Amino acid sequence: MLRAIAGLARPAQGRIALGGDTWFDAERRVFRQPDERSVGLVFQEYALFPHMSVRQNVAYGGGARVDEYLERFHISHLADAKPALLSGGERQRVALARALARDPGVLLLDEPLSSLDAQTKAIVRVELQELLRDFELPAILVTHDFDDAAALAGRVGVLIDGTLRQLATPQDLVSRPADTFVAALTGANLLRGIARRETDELAAIDLEGGERIYSTDPGQGEVGVVVYPWDVTVARVRHQDSALNVIAGEIRSVAHVGSRVRVRIGPITAEVTAASADQLELARGGTAFASFKATGTRLVPFA
């Protein structure tokens, strides 16, 4: 998609335009060359010219504002360095500066954070978030990481096999996923079951593992059951509380993710605080109970 917008690939059909400026129209046989399109493209591996200095790479995009962009991206001290001597975060800043030096009408980013280590990625994500806000420039970013998409994008389109599954805000993708693929992308537990109407307010779902749970979503027949890890409560004994849904199972894994702990109990993953994990002695294994409310249990078509 990015290559088509940039003019590096020619689609079989459709139309590409920025505002009233048409770059491609299959029906009218319009095809503007890449250098005729107001595009700034940042490749996944940055594609910096290895024989050029940082200053020369940025100047290749547009020479009039090189010093301004070197300063803006905090790379002035690297102006004479070659790309091979730069860190991953520094190379990305140079690639962004070069793309923006063209004064583009749209910025295209191909997985800009995928090649960075975890610590650098967290820093650069914040920088990129500020950049996109400050420049107020239309941007299309491709990523396989929903956390990146949620942090950087106002709208997220979920594509699979060339088909747009859902286009919505990150919040709507989490709260109302269109199908199981979208739900899995956003980090949800995904269970499979057979639903039937229990009452006017509840659907009962019989899961593949034999458990019966409930949802306030309507459902009938085979469904995907979506539950987010942060909506799951973990206990060592079964409590009688407001949560209708309880799944008992062996603790299969415990993983620390920052200040949180992800624990796999039977078919479901819960996310709890480190303090709760220690108090419940989850690391020693054994049986635990995962509970979640019917109101937090989404039913979607199984895609």
Foldseek 3Di string as FASTA:
>chain_A
DVCCQLLNDPDCADWHADVPRTQDHNVVGHHHHNVVAQEQEQAQQRPFDQVAFLLVSLCVLPVPCSVVLCVVLVNPVRRGPGPVPDDLLNSLSSSVSSSCNNVGQEYEEEASQPVDDPVSSVVVLVVLQVVCVVVVHHYDYDDLQLVSCLSRHQWDFDDDPRDTQDIGGSVCLCVPNAEDVSLVSNAWQKWKFAWDDDDQQWIWTQTPVGFIAIASDDDGGIWIKTAHQAQKDKFADDDPDQFRDKDKAKFPDWDDDPQWIWIDGVRHIHIGGPVVCVVRVPVVIDMMMITGHNHRIDIHHHD
